[in-house]
N, C-alpha and C. Protein backbone atom coordinates (compact mmCIF):
# COMPACT_ATOMS: atom_id res chain seq x y z
N MET A 1 -80.16 11.20 0.84
CA MET A 1 -80.05 12.11 -0.27
C MET A 1 -78.91 13.07 0.01
N THR A 2 -78.18 13.36 -1.04
CA THR A 2 -77.06 14.27 -0.90
C THR A 2 -77.12 15.35 -1.97
N LEU A 3 -76.61 16.51 -1.65
CA LEU A 3 -76.54 17.63 -2.57
C LEU A 3 -75.33 17.45 -3.48
N ARG A 4 -75.54 17.63 -4.78
CA ARG A 4 -74.43 17.56 -5.74
C ARG A 4 -73.74 18.91 -5.82
N THR A 5 -72.53 18.92 -6.32
CA THR A 5 -71.78 20.17 -6.44
C THR A 5 -72.42 21.14 -7.43
N ASP A 6 -73.22 20.63 -8.37
CA ASP A 6 -73.88 21.50 -9.35
C ASP A 6 -75.25 21.98 -8.88
N GLY A 7 -75.62 21.67 -7.63
CA GLY A 7 -76.88 22.12 -7.08
C GLY A 7 -78.01 21.11 -7.17
N GLY A 8 -77.81 20.01 -7.89
CA GLY A 8 -78.82 18.96 -7.97
C GLY A 8 -78.74 18.05 -6.75
N TRP A 9 -79.57 17.02 -6.75
CA TRP A 9 -79.65 16.10 -5.62
C TRP A 9 -79.50 14.66 -6.07
N ASN A 10 -78.78 13.86 -5.28
CA ASN A 10 -78.61 12.43 -5.54
C ASN A 10 -79.39 11.62 -4.52
N VAL A 11 -79.92 10.49 -4.96
CA VAL A 11 -80.54 9.51 -4.07
C VAL A 11 -79.56 8.35 -3.97
N LYS A 12 -79.18 8.02 -2.75
CA LYS A 12 -78.17 6.99 -2.53
C LYS A 12 -78.65 6.04 -1.44
N GLU A 13 -78.60 4.75 -1.74
CA GLU A 13 -78.97 3.77 -0.73
C GLU A 13 -77.84 3.64 0.29
N GLU A 14 -78.20 3.28 1.50
CA GLU A 14 -77.24 3.14 2.58
C GLU A 14 -76.14 2.16 2.18
N ASN A 15 -74.91 2.53 2.43
CA ASN A 15 -73.71 1.74 2.15
C ASN A 15 -73.42 1.56 0.67
N ALA A 16 -74.14 2.25 -0.21
CA ALA A 16 -73.85 2.18 -1.64
C ALA A 16 -72.66 3.07 -1.97
N SER A 17 -71.87 2.66 -2.95
CA SER A 17 -70.70 3.45 -3.32
C SER A 17 -71.05 4.60 -4.26
N ARG A 18 -72.23 4.50 -4.92
CA ARG A 18 -72.63 5.58 -5.82
C ARG A 18 -74.14 5.77 -5.78
N ALA A 19 -74.59 6.89 -6.31
CA ALA A 19 -76.00 7.24 -6.28
C ALA A 19 -76.82 6.31 -7.17
N SER A 20 -78.04 6.02 -6.74
CA SER A 20 -78.94 5.22 -7.56
C SER A 20 -79.69 6.08 -8.56
N SER A 21 -79.83 7.39 -8.27
CA SER A 21 -80.44 8.31 -9.21
C SER A 21 -80.03 9.74 -8.89
N SER A 22 -80.10 10.61 -9.91
CA SER A 22 -79.76 12.03 -9.75
C SER A 22 -80.94 12.87 -10.23
N HIS A 23 -81.16 14.01 -9.56
CA HIS A 23 -82.34 14.84 -9.85
C HIS A 23 -81.97 16.31 -9.79
N ASP A 24 -82.68 17.11 -10.58
CA ASP A 24 -82.42 18.55 -10.61
C ASP A 24 -82.97 19.25 -9.37
N THR A 25 -84.05 18.71 -8.79
CA THR A 25 -84.64 19.36 -7.62
C THR A 25 -84.68 18.40 -6.44
N LYS A 26 -84.72 18.98 -5.26
CA LYS A 26 -84.81 18.19 -4.04
C LYS A 26 -86.15 17.44 -3.99
N ALA A 27 -87.21 18.09 -4.44
CA ALA A 27 -88.54 17.45 -4.43
C ALA A 27 -88.55 16.18 -5.27
N GLU A 28 -87.93 16.22 -6.44
CA GLU A 28 -87.85 15.03 -7.30
C GLU A 28 -87.07 13.92 -6.61
N ALA A 29 -85.97 14.29 -5.96
CA ALA A 29 -85.14 13.31 -5.26
C ALA A 29 -85.90 12.69 -4.09
N VAL A 30 -86.64 13.50 -3.34
CA VAL A 30 -87.43 12.99 -2.21
C VAL A 30 -88.48 12.01 -2.72
N ASP A 31 -89.17 12.36 -3.79
CA ASP A 31 -90.19 11.47 -4.34
C ASP A 31 -89.60 10.13 -4.74
N ARG A 32 -88.44 10.15 -5.41
CA ARG A 32 -87.80 8.90 -5.84
C ARG A 32 -87.33 8.09 -4.64
N ALA A 33 -86.75 8.75 -3.65
CA ALA A 33 -86.28 8.05 -2.46
C ALA A 33 -87.44 7.37 -1.73
N LYS A 34 -88.57 8.06 -1.62
CA LYS A 34 -89.74 7.48 -0.97
C LYS A 34 -90.25 6.28 -1.75
N GLU A 35 -90.25 6.39 -3.07
CA GLU A 35 -90.68 5.28 -3.92
C GLU A 35 -89.81 4.05 -3.70
N LEU A 36 -88.50 4.25 -3.65
CA LEU A 36 -87.58 3.14 -3.40
C LEU A 36 -87.79 2.53 -2.02
N ALA A 37 -87.97 3.38 -1.01
CA ALA A 37 -88.15 2.90 0.37
C ALA A 37 -89.44 2.10 0.52
N LYS A 38 -90.49 2.53 -0.14
CA LYS A 38 -91.77 1.85 -0.03
C LYS A 38 -91.74 0.46 -0.68
N ASN A 39 -90.79 0.23 -1.57
CA ASN A 39 -90.66 -1.07 -2.22
C ASN A 39 -89.84 -2.06 -1.41
N GLN A 40 -89.35 -1.65 -0.26
CA GLN A 40 -88.58 -2.52 0.63
C GLN A 40 -89.49 -3.07 1.73
N GLU A 41 -89.08 -4.18 2.32
CA GLU A 41 -89.84 -4.72 3.44
C GLU A 41 -89.88 -3.71 4.59
N LEU A 42 -88.75 -3.09 4.84
CA LEU A 42 -88.64 -2.02 5.83
C LEU A 42 -87.66 -0.99 5.26
N GLY A 43 -88.17 0.16 4.84
CA GLY A 43 -87.34 1.17 4.20
C GLY A 43 -87.36 2.48 4.96
N GLN A 44 -86.30 3.25 4.80
CA GLN A 44 -86.20 4.54 5.48
C GLN A 44 -85.61 5.57 4.54
N VAL A 45 -86.14 6.79 4.59
CA VAL A 45 -85.62 7.91 3.82
C VAL A 45 -85.11 8.94 4.82
N VAL A 46 -83.85 9.32 4.66
CA VAL A 46 -83.25 10.37 5.49
C VAL A 46 -83.00 11.55 4.56
N ILE A 47 -83.68 12.66 4.82
CA ILE A 47 -83.57 13.85 3.98
C ILE A 47 -82.62 14.82 4.66
N HIS A 48 -81.63 15.25 3.90
CA HIS A 48 -80.62 16.18 4.42
C HIS A 48 -80.85 17.59 3.90
N LYS A 49 -80.41 18.56 4.68
CA LYS A 49 -80.38 19.95 4.25
C LYS A 49 -79.12 20.16 3.43
N LYS A 50 -78.97 21.33 2.83
CA LYS A 50 -77.78 21.63 2.02
C LYS A 50 -76.49 21.47 2.82
N GLU A 51 -76.50 21.83 4.10
CA GLU A 51 -75.28 21.72 4.92
C GLU A 51 -75.08 20.32 5.48
N MET A 52 -75.89 19.35 4.99
CA MET A 52 -75.78 17.92 5.30
C MET A 52 -76.25 17.54 6.70
N THR A 53 -76.93 18.45 7.40
CA THR A 53 -77.59 18.04 8.64
C THR A 53 -78.91 17.37 8.27
N ILE A 54 -79.42 16.53 9.15
CA ILE A 54 -80.65 15.81 8.86
C ILE A 54 -81.84 16.75 9.01
N GLN A 55 -82.66 16.80 7.97
CA GLN A 55 -83.88 17.61 7.98
C GLN A 55 -85.04 16.80 8.54
N THR A 56 -85.24 15.59 8.03
CA THR A 56 -86.33 14.73 8.49
C THR A 56 -86.08 13.30 8.06
N GLU A 57 -86.81 12.38 8.67
CA GLU A 57 -86.70 10.96 8.33
C GLU A 57 -88.10 10.38 8.17
N HIS A 58 -88.24 9.44 7.24
CA HIS A 58 -89.49 8.73 7.03
C HIS A 58 -89.19 7.23 7.01
N THR A 59 -90.01 6.44 7.68
CA THR A 59 -89.85 4.99 7.70
C THR A 59 -91.09 4.36 7.10
N TYR A 60 -90.88 3.35 6.25
CA TYR A 60 -91.97 2.67 5.56
C TYR A 60 -91.84 1.17 5.78
N GLY A 61 -92.97 0.48 5.77
CA GLY A 61 -92.97 -0.97 5.90
C GLY A 61 -93.39 -1.41 7.27
N LYS A 62 -93.24 -2.69 7.51
CA LYS A 62 -93.65 -3.28 8.78
C LYS A 62 -92.51 -3.21 9.78
N ASP A 63 -92.72 -2.41 10.81
CA ASP A 63 -91.74 -2.27 11.88
C ASP A 63 -91.89 -3.47 12.81
N PRO A 64 -90.82 -4.23 12.98
CA PRO A 64 -90.93 -5.44 13.84
C PRO A 64 -91.05 -5.06 15.31
N TYR A 65 -92.27 -5.12 15.82
CA TYR A 65 -92.46 -4.81 17.23
C TYR A 65 -93.15 -5.98 17.90
N PRO A 66 -92.76 -6.49 19.01
CA PRO A 66 -91.62 -6.00 19.77
C PRO A 66 -90.31 -6.35 19.08
N PRO A 67 -89.30 -5.50 19.27
CA PRO A 67 -88.00 -5.76 18.63
C PRO A 67 -87.38 -7.05 19.14
N LYS A 68 -86.64 -7.70 18.27
CA LYS A 68 -85.94 -8.93 18.66
C LYS A 68 -84.74 -8.58 19.53
N GLY A 69 -84.46 -9.42 20.50
CA GLY A 69 -83.24 -9.22 21.28
C GLY A 69 -83.45 -8.77 22.65
């Protein structure tokens, strides 16, 4: 999730060139990001603060343990 210049928040998938959704509040953006991540086999939400440092991370789905390799 990234902060927009107008104070809103964007939800962007990793390596995407543009946001998948835009929201007026951070809470709305977090909810949408979690919804998208939960629909993946293995999804992760990285929540950023306004200064773009990482605030927290959430992982959803089946974590392959033991890891391959």
